[in-house]
Amino acid sequence: MNGSGAYALLALPFLGAAVIVAVVAGIVAARRARAAGRQAGPGRRVALLTSLIAGIALLVMTMVFDNVIVTLRIVAYDPALISGATIGAIPVEDLAYAMAAIVLLPSLWVLFDRTGGRDRTGARDRTGARPAPDPTPAPAEDMK
């Protein structure tokens, strides 16, 4: 591969795979929710917000540390193969891998969830409320 933007073309398969996995994870999550009779609620918004914050943190850290390693000449990019757009010393194509990870990790988390989206802490009724705990103590078992 040669010419301007070759590094960007190398990143496209990673971004494409991340997007495909994200779409599949979205379909799986929607089917699981539908099968469990749940609708989108505040938990989904919290998950989205925390993913967004973690993603921004990852991008900022990638920009900082990549600039350090490029400035210290630990890593070098061939100027003939980058698009020309840079953030500090790094080409913007370098952020494609971090963006793919931001999309891919939560998607894989959804796909590998073996609970099927069930509540692991206890049963809930149709309204989503937890049943009240039984105030009577459990009978003591006979010691043998």
N, C-alpha and C. Protein backbone atom coordinates (compact mmCIF):
# COMPACT_ATOMS: atom_id res chain seq x y z
N MET A 1 0.84 -1.18 0.00
CA MET A 1 0.00 0.00 0.00
C MET A 1 0.88 1.24 0.00
N ASN A 2 0.57 2.18 -0.83
CA ASN A 2 1.34 3.41 -0.80
C ASN A 2 0.41 4.57 -1.14
N GLY A 3 0.88 5.76 -0.83
CA GLY A 3 0.09 6.94 -1.11
C GLY A 3 -0.50 7.52 0.15
N SER A 4 -0.98 8.72 0.01
CA SER A 4 -1.54 9.43 1.14
C SER A 4 -2.79 8.72 1.67
N GLY A 5 -2.83 8.54 2.96
CA GLY A 5 -4.00 7.92 3.58
C GLY A 5 -3.93 6.42 3.70
N ALA A 6 -2.77 5.82 3.45
CA ALA A 6 -2.66 4.37 3.53
C ALA A 6 -2.91 3.86 4.94
N TYR A 7 -2.45 4.63 5.96
CA TYR A 7 -2.71 4.22 7.35
C TYR A 7 -4.20 4.23 7.65
N ALA A 8 -4.91 5.19 7.10
CA ALA A 8 -6.36 5.25 7.29
C ALA A 8 -7.05 4.05 6.66
N LEU A 9 -6.58 3.64 5.50
CA LEU A 9 -7.15 2.46 4.84
C LEU A 9 -6.89 1.18 5.64
N LEU A 10 -5.75 1.14 6.34
CA LEU A 10 -5.46 -0.02 7.19
C LEU A 10 -6.41 -0.09 8.39
N ALA A 11 -6.88 1.05 8.86
CA ALA A 11 -7.76 1.10 10.02
C ALA A 11 -9.21 0.77 9.67
N LEU A 12 -9.58 0.92 8.41
CA LEU A 12 -10.98 0.69 8.01
C LEU A 12 -11.51 -0.71 8.33
N PRO A 13 -10.76 -1.78 8.11
CA PRO A 13 -11.30 -3.10 8.46
C PRO A 13 -11.60 -3.24 9.96
N PHE A 14 -10.75 -2.65 10.81
CA PHE A 14 -10.99 -2.71 12.25
C PHE A 14 -12.27 -1.96 12.62
N LEU A 15 -12.43 -0.76 12.06
CA LEU A 15 -13.64 0.01 12.33
C LEU A 15 -14.88 -0.68 11.78
N GLY A 16 -14.76 -1.26 10.59
CA GLY A 16 -15.88 -1.98 9.99
C GLY A 16 -16.31 -3.18 10.82
N ALA A 17 -15.32 -3.95 11.30
CA ALA A 17 -15.63 -5.11 12.14
C ALA A 17 -16.29 -4.67 13.45
N ALA A 18 -15.80 -3.58 14.03
CA ALA A 18 -16.39 -3.08 15.28
C ALA A 18 -17.84 -2.65 15.07
N VAL A 19 -18.12 -2.00 13.96
CA VAL A 19 -19.49 -1.56 13.67
C VAL A 19 -20.41 -2.77 13.46
N ILE A 20 -19.94 -3.76 12.74
CA ILE A 20 -20.76 -4.96 12.50
C ILE A 20 -21.07 -5.67 13.82
N VAL A 21 -20.06 -5.83 14.68
CA VAL A 21 -20.27 -6.47 15.97
C VAL A 21 -21.23 -5.64 16.82
N ALA A 22 -21.13 -4.31 16.77
CA ALA A 22 -22.02 -3.44 17.53
C ALA A 22 -23.47 -3.58 17.07
N VAL A 23 -23.68 -3.67 15.77
CA VAL A 23 -25.04 -3.85 15.25
C VAL A 23 -25.61 -5.19 15.70
N VAL A 24 -24.80 -6.24 15.60
CA VAL A 24 -25.26 -7.56 16.05
C VAL A 24 -25.57 -7.53 17.55
N ALA A 25 -24.72 -6.88 18.34
CA ALA A 25 -24.95 -6.80 19.78
C ALA A 25 -26.23 -6.02 20.09
N GLY A 26 -26.50 -4.98 19.32
CA GLY A 26 -27.74 -4.23 19.52
C GLY A 26 -28.97 -5.07 19.23
N ILE A 27 -28.90 -5.87 18.18
CA ILE A 27 -30.02 -6.76 17.84
C ILE A 27 -30.21 -7.81 18.93
N VAL A 28 -29.10 -8.39 19.40
CA VAL A 28 -29.17 -9.40 20.46
C VAL A 28 -29.74 -8.80 21.74
N ALA A 29 -29.27 -7.61 22.11
CA ALA A 29 -29.77 -6.96 23.33
C ALA A 29 -31.26 -6.65 23.23
N ALA A 30 -31.70 -6.20 22.06
CA ALA A 30 -33.12 -5.89 21.88
C ALA A 30 -33.97 -7.16 21.95
N ARG A 31 -33.50 -8.23 21.38
CA ARG A 31 -34.25 -9.50 21.44
C ARG A 31 -34.31 -10.03 22.86
N ARG A 32 -33.20 -9.93 23.59
CA ARG A 32 -33.19 -10.39 24.98
C ARG A 32 -34.17 -9.57 25.82
N ALA A 33 -34.17 -8.26 25.62
CA ALA A 33 -35.07 -7.40 26.38
C ALA A 33 -36.53 -7.71 26.04
N ARG A 34 -36.81 -7.91 24.76
CA ARG A 34 -38.16 -8.23 24.33
C ARG A 34 -38.61 -9.57 24.91
N ALA A 35 -37.70 -10.55 24.91
CA ALA A 35 -38.04 -11.87 25.44
C ALA A 35 -38.29 -11.83 26.94
N ALA A 36 -37.60 -10.94 27.64
CA ALA A 36 -37.78 -10.81 29.08
C ALA A 36 -38.92 -9.86 29.42
N GLY A 37 -39.53 -9.25 28.42
CA GLY A 37 -40.65 -8.33 28.65
C GLY A 37 -40.22 -7.00 29.25
N ARG A 38 -38.97 -6.60 28.99
CA ARG A 38 -38.46 -5.34 29.52
C ARG A 38 -38.44 -4.28 28.43
N GLN A 39 -38.49 -3.03 28.88
CA GLN A 39 -38.32 -1.91 27.98
C GLN A 39 -37.09 -1.12 28.42
N ALA A 40 -36.63 -0.24 27.55
CA ALA A 40 -35.46 0.57 27.89
C ALA A 40 -35.77 1.40 29.13
N GLY A 41 -34.86 1.42 30.04
CA GLY A 41 -35.06 2.15 31.28
C GLY A 41 -33.83 2.94 31.66
N PRO A 42 -33.79 3.39 32.91
CA PRO A 42 -32.66 4.20 33.35
C PRO A 42 -31.34 3.43 33.33
N GLY A 43 -31.37 2.13 33.51
CA GLY A 43 -30.14 1.34 33.47
C GLY A 43 -29.45 1.44 32.13
N ARG A 44 -30.23 1.52 31.08
CA ARG A 44 -29.66 1.63 29.73
C ARG A 44 -28.99 2.99 29.55
N ARG A 45 -29.62 4.03 30.10
CA ARG A 45 -29.03 5.37 30.00
C ARG A 45 -27.73 5.46 30.81
N VAL A 46 -27.72 4.82 31.98
CA VAL A 46 -26.51 4.82 32.80
C VAL A 46 -25.39 4.09 32.07
N ALA A 47 -25.70 2.96 31.46
CA ALA A 47 -24.69 2.20 30.71
C ALA A 47 -24.15 3.04 29.55
N LEU A 48 -25.03 3.75 28.86
CA LEU A 48 -24.58 4.59 27.75
C LEU A 48 -23.70 5.73 28.24
N LEU A 49 -24.09 6.35 29.35
CA LEU A 49 -23.32 7.46 29.89
C LEU A 49 -21.95 7.00 30.36
N THR A 50 -21.88 5.88 31.06
CA THR A 50 -20.58 5.40 31.53
C THR A 50 -19.70 4.97 30.35
N SER A 51 -20.30 4.40 29.32
CA SER A 51 -19.52 4.04 28.13
C SER A 51 -18.98 5.29 27.44
N LEU A 52 -19.78 6.33 27.39
CA LEU A 52 -19.35 7.58 26.78
C LEU A 52 -18.19 8.20 27.56
N ILE A 53 -18.30 8.23 28.88
CA ILE A 53 -17.23 8.80 29.71
C ILE A 53 -15.95 7.98 29.57
N ALA A 54 -16.08 6.66 29.62
CA ALA A 54 -14.90 5.80 29.46
C ALA A 54 -14.28 5.96 28.08
N GLY A 55 -15.12 6.12 27.06
CA GLY A 55 -14.61 6.31 25.70
C GLY A 55 -13.85 7.61 25.55
N ILE A 56 -14.38 8.67 26.13
CA ILE A 56 -13.68 9.96 26.08
C ILE A 56 -12.35 9.86 26.81
N ALA A 57 -12.35 9.20 27.97
CA ALA A 57 -11.10 9.03 28.72
C ALA A 57 -10.08 8.24 27.90
N LEU A 58 -10.53 7.19 27.23
CA LEU A 58 -9.62 6.39 26.41
C LEU A 58 -9.05 7.21 25.25
N LEU A 59 -9.89 8.01 24.60
CA LEU A 59 -9.39 8.85 23.50
C LEU A 59 -8.39 9.89 23.98
N VAL A 60 -8.67 10.51 25.12
CA VAL A 60 -7.74 11.52 25.66
C VAL A 60 -6.41 10.86 26.02
N MET A 61 -6.48 9.71 26.71
CA MET A 61 -5.24 9.03 27.07
C MET A 61 -4.47 8.57 25.84
N THR A 62 -5.18 8.11 24.82
CA THR A 62 -4.52 7.70 23.58
C THR A 62 -3.81 8.89 22.94
N MET A 63 -4.48 10.04 22.91
CA MET A 63 -3.85 11.23 22.32
C MET A 63 -2.61 11.64 23.09
N VAL A 64 -2.70 11.64 24.41
CA VAL A 64 -1.56 12.06 25.23
C VAL A 64 -0.39 11.11 25.07
N PHE A 65 -0.62 9.81 25.30
CA PHE A 65 0.49 8.86 25.29
C PHE A 65 1.04 8.63 23.88
N ASP A 66 0.20 8.65 22.88
CA ASP A 66 0.70 8.50 21.51
C ASP A 66 1.56 9.70 21.12
N ASN A 67 1.16 10.89 21.55
CA ASN A 67 1.99 12.06 21.28
C ASN A 67 3.34 11.94 21.97
N VAL A 68 3.35 11.39 23.17
CA VAL A 68 4.62 11.21 23.89
C VAL A 68 5.52 10.24 23.14
N ILE A 69 4.98 9.08 22.74
CA ILE A 69 5.85 8.09 22.10
C ILE A 69 6.30 8.53 20.70
N VAL A 70 5.49 9.33 20.02
CA VAL A 70 5.91 9.83 18.71
C VAL A 70 6.93 10.95 18.89
N THR A 71 6.73 11.81 19.86
CA THR A 71 7.67 12.91 20.10
C THR A 71 9.03 12.38 20.55
N LEU A 72 9.02 11.31 21.36
CA LEU A 72 10.28 10.70 21.80
C LEU A 72 10.90 9.80 20.73
N ARG A 73 10.27 9.70 19.59
CA ARG A 73 10.73 8.91 18.44
C ARG A 73 10.82 7.41 18.75
N ILE A 74 9.92 6.95 19.63
CA ILE A 74 9.79 5.52 19.88
C ILE A 74 9.02 4.90 18.71
N VAL A 75 8.06 5.65 18.20
CA VAL A 75 7.24 5.25 17.05
C VAL A 75 7.33 6.37 16.03
N ALA A 76 7.38 6.01 14.77
CA ALA A 76 7.40 7.02 13.72
C ALA A 76 6.43 6.63 12.62
N TYR A 77 5.85 7.63 12.00
CA TYR A 77 4.93 7.42 10.88
C TYR A 77 5.58 7.96 9.62
N ASP A 78 5.43 7.23 8.54
CA ASP A 78 5.94 7.68 7.25
C ASP A 78 5.04 8.82 6.77
N PRO A 79 5.57 10.02 6.62
CA PRO A 79 4.74 11.16 6.21
C PRO A 79 4.03 10.95 4.87
N ALA A 80 4.57 10.09 4.02
CA ALA A 80 3.95 9.84 2.72
C ALA A 80 2.70 8.96 2.85
N LEU A 81 2.52 8.30 4.00
CA LEU A 81 1.41 7.36 4.15
C LEU A 81 0.28 7.86 5.05
N ILE A 82 0.44 9.04 5.64
CA ILE A 82 -0.63 9.57 6.49
C ILE A 82 -1.48 10.54 5.70
N SER A 83 -2.66 10.81 6.23
CA SER A 83 -3.59 11.70 5.52
C SER A 83 -3.14 13.16 5.60
N GLY A 84 -2.34 13.48 6.58
CA GLY A 84 -1.87 14.86 6.73
C GLY A 84 -2.49 15.56 7.92
N ALA A 85 -3.67 15.11 8.35
CA ALA A 85 -4.32 15.70 9.52
C ALA A 85 -3.69 15.10 10.78
N THR A 86 -3.26 15.98 11.67
CA THR A 86 -2.62 15.51 12.89
C THR A 86 -3.22 16.16 14.12
N ILE A 87 -3.04 15.49 15.24
CA ILE A 87 -3.36 16.05 16.55
C ILE A 87 -2.04 16.04 17.30
N GLY A 88 -1.43 17.17 17.39
CA GLY A 88 -0.08 17.22 17.94
C GLY A 88 0.86 16.54 16.97
N ALA A 89 1.51 15.48 17.43
CA ALA A 89 2.48 14.77 16.58
C ALA A 89 1.88 13.53 15.94
N ILE A 90 0.66 13.14 16.31
CA ILE A 90 0.10 11.89 15.79
C ILE A 90 -0.90 12.15 14.66
N PRO A 91 -0.93 11.26 13.68
CA PRO A 91 -1.96 11.39 12.64
C PRO A 91 -3.32 10.98 13.21
N VAL A 92 -4.39 11.56 12.69
CA VAL A 92 -5.72 11.24 13.21
C VAL A 92 -6.08 9.77 12.99
N GLU A 93 -5.46 9.14 12.02
CA GLU A 93 -5.75 7.72 11.77
C GLU A 93 -5.40 6.85 12.97
N ASP A 94 -4.47 7.32 13.78
CA ASP A 94 -4.04 6.56 14.94
C ASP A 94 -5.16 6.40 15.97
N LEU A 95 -6.14 7.29 15.96
CA LEU A 95 -7.26 7.20 16.90
C LEU A 95 -8.31 6.18 16.47
N ALA A 96 -8.21 5.69 15.27
CA ALA A 96 -9.21 4.73 14.78
C ALA A 96 -9.24 3.46 15.61
N TYR A 97 -8.08 3.03 16.08
CA TYR A 97 -8.03 1.80 16.86
C TYR A 97 -8.66 1.99 18.24
N ALA A 98 -8.46 3.14 18.84
CA ALA A 98 -9.10 3.44 20.12
C ALA A 98 -10.62 3.55 19.93
N MET A 99 -11.05 4.17 18.84
CA MET A 99 -12.50 4.28 18.59
C MET A 99 -13.11 2.90 18.34
N ALA A 100 -12.38 2.04 17.66
CA ALA A 100 -12.89 0.68 17.45
C ALA A 100 -13.01 -0.05 18.79
N ALA A 101 -12.06 0.14 19.68
CA ALA A 101 -12.11 -0.50 21.00
C ALA A 101 -13.28 0.04 21.82
N ILE A 102 -13.56 1.33 21.70
CA ILE A 102 -14.68 1.94 22.43
C ILE A 102 -16.00 1.32 22.01
N VAL A 103 -16.14 0.99 20.75
CA VAL A 103 -17.37 0.38 20.25
C VAL A 103 -17.37 -1.13 20.49
N LEU A 104 -16.22 -1.75 20.30
CA LEU A 104 -16.13 -3.20 20.33
C LEU A 104 -16.27 -3.79 21.74
N LEU A 105 -15.65 -3.20 22.73
CA LEU A 105 -15.67 -3.79 24.07
C LEU A 105 -17.08 -3.90 24.66
N PRO A 106 -17.88 -2.84 24.67
CA PRO A 106 -19.25 -3.01 25.19
C PRO A 106 -20.09 -3.96 24.34
N SER A 107 -19.83 -3.99 23.05
CA SER A 107 -20.58 -4.90 22.17
C SER A 107 -20.27 -6.35 22.49
N LEU A 108 -19.00 -6.65 22.71
CA LEU A 108 -18.63 -8.02 23.08
C LEU A 108 -19.16 -8.38 24.46
N TRP A 109 -19.22 -7.41 25.35
CA TRP A 109 -19.78 -7.63 26.69
C TRP A 109 -21.23 -8.09 26.57
N VAL A 110 -21.98 -7.44 25.70
CA VAL A 110 -23.38 -7.82 25.48
C VAL A 110 -23.47 -9.21 24.86
N LEU A 111 -22.65 -9.47 23.86
CA LEU A 111 -22.72 -10.74 23.16
C LEU A 111 -22.30 -11.93 24.02
N PHE A 112 -21.35 -11.73 24.92
CA PHE A 112 -20.88 -12.83 25.76
C PHE A 112 -21.61 -12.92 27.09
N ASP A 113 -22.64 -12.11 27.29
CA ASP A 113 -23.43 -12.16 28.52
C ASP A 113 -24.24 -13.45 28.52
N ARG A 114 -23.89 -14.38 29.37
CA ARG A 114 -24.56 -15.68 29.40
C ARG A 114 -25.76 -15.71 30.32
N THR A 115 -26.06 -14.59 30.98
CA THR A 115 -27.25 -14.56 31.83
C THR A 115 -28.49 -14.29 31.00
N GLY A 116 -28.30 -13.89 29.76
CA GLY A 116 -29.44 -13.59 28.90
C GLY A 116 -30.15 -12.31 29.32
N GLY A 117 -29.45 -11.45 30.07
CA GLY A 117 -30.04 -10.20 30.50
C GLY A 117 -30.91 -10.35 31.73
N ARG A 118 -30.88 -11.53 32.36
CA ARG A 118 -31.69 -11.73 33.56
C ARG A 118 -31.07 -11.01 34.73
N ASP A 119 -31.89 -10.68 35.70
CA ASP A 119 -31.43 -10.06 36.93
C ASP A 119 -30.73 -11.11 37.77
N ARG A 120 -29.48 -10.88 38.13
CA ARG A 120 -28.72 -11.86 38.90
C ARG A 120 -28.90 -11.70 40.40
N THR A 121 -29.52 -10.61 40.84
CA THR A 121 -29.62 -10.35 42.27
C THR A 121 -30.92 -10.82 42.88
N GLY A 122 -31.89 -11.13 42.11
CA GLY A 122 -33.15 -11.59 42.66
C GLY A 122 -34.28 -11.45 41.67
N ALA A 123 -35.37 -12.10 41.98
CA ALA A 123 -36.52 -12.08 41.07
C ALA A 123 -37.24 -10.74 41.17
N ARG A 124 -37.96 -10.41 40.14
CA ARG A 124 -38.79 -9.19 40.12
C ARG A 124 -40.16 -9.57 39.58
N ASP A 125 -41.15 -8.77 39.95
CA ASP A 125 -42.49 -9.05 39.43
C ASP A 125 -42.66 -8.33 38.10
N ARG A 126 -43.89 -8.35 37.54
CA ARG A 126 -44.13 -7.77 36.22
C ARG A 126 -43.84 -6.28 36.17
N THR A 127 -44.00 -5.58 37.29
CA THR A 127 -43.76 -4.14 37.29
C THR A 127 -42.29 -3.79 37.43
N GLY A 128 -41.46 -4.79 37.69
CA GLY A 128 -40.03 -4.54 37.86
C GLY A 128 -39.63 -4.38 39.31
N ALA A 129 -40.62 -4.45 40.23
CA ALA A 129 -40.32 -4.30 41.65
C ALA A 129 -39.87 -5.62 42.24
N ARG A 130 -39.02 -5.53 43.22
CA ARG A 130 -38.59 -6.73 43.92
C ARG A 130 -39.65 -7.09 44.96
N PRO A 131 -39.88 -8.38 45.17
CA PRO A 131 -40.85 -8.76 46.20
C PRO A 131 -40.30 -8.41 47.58
N ALA A 132 -41.21 -8.11 48.49
CA ALA A 132 -40.80 -7.76 49.85
C ALA A 132 -40.22 -8.99 50.53
N PRO A 133 -39.16 -8.80 51.34
CA PRO A 133 -38.58 -9.96 52.03
C PRO A 133 -39.54 -10.50 53.08
N ASP A 134 -39.47 -11.80 53.30
CA ASP A 134 -40.34 -12.45 54.28
C ASP A 134 -39.83 -12.11 55.69
N PRO A 135 -40.68 -11.48 56.54
CA PRO A 135 -40.20 -11.06 57.86
C PRO A 135 -40.05 -12.22 58.85
N THR A 136 -40.64 -13.38 58.56
CA THR A 136 -40.53 -14.49 59.49
C THR A 136 -39.21 -15.21 59.27
N PRO A 137 -38.53 -15.55 60.38
CA PRO A 137 -37.23 -16.23 60.22
C PRO A 137 -37.43 -17.65 59.69
N ALA A 138 -36.46 -18.12 59.00
CA ALA A 138 -36.51 -19.49 58.48
C ALA A 138 -36.40 -20.46 59.63
N PRO A 139 -37.11 -21.61 59.57
CA PRO A 139 -37.02 -22.58 60.67
C PRO A 139 -35.64 -23.17 60.75
N ALA A 140 -35.19 -23.37 62.00
CA ALA A 140 -33.87 -23.95 62.22
C ALA A 140 -33.92 -25.43 61.92
N GLU A 141 -32.89 -25.92 61.28
CA GLU A 141 -32.84 -27.34 60.95
C GLU A 141 -32.32 -28.11 62.16
N ASP A 142 -32.77 -29.34 62.28
CA ASP A 142 -32.31 -30.18 63.39
C ASP A 142 -30.85 -30.54 63.19
N MET A 143 -30.10 -30.50 64.28
CA MET A 143 -28.70 -30.88 64.23
C MET A 143 -28.60 -32.39 64.41
N LYS A 144 -27.92 -33.08 63.58
CA LYS A 144 -27.79 -34.53 63.69
C LYS A 144 -26.40 -34.91 64.04
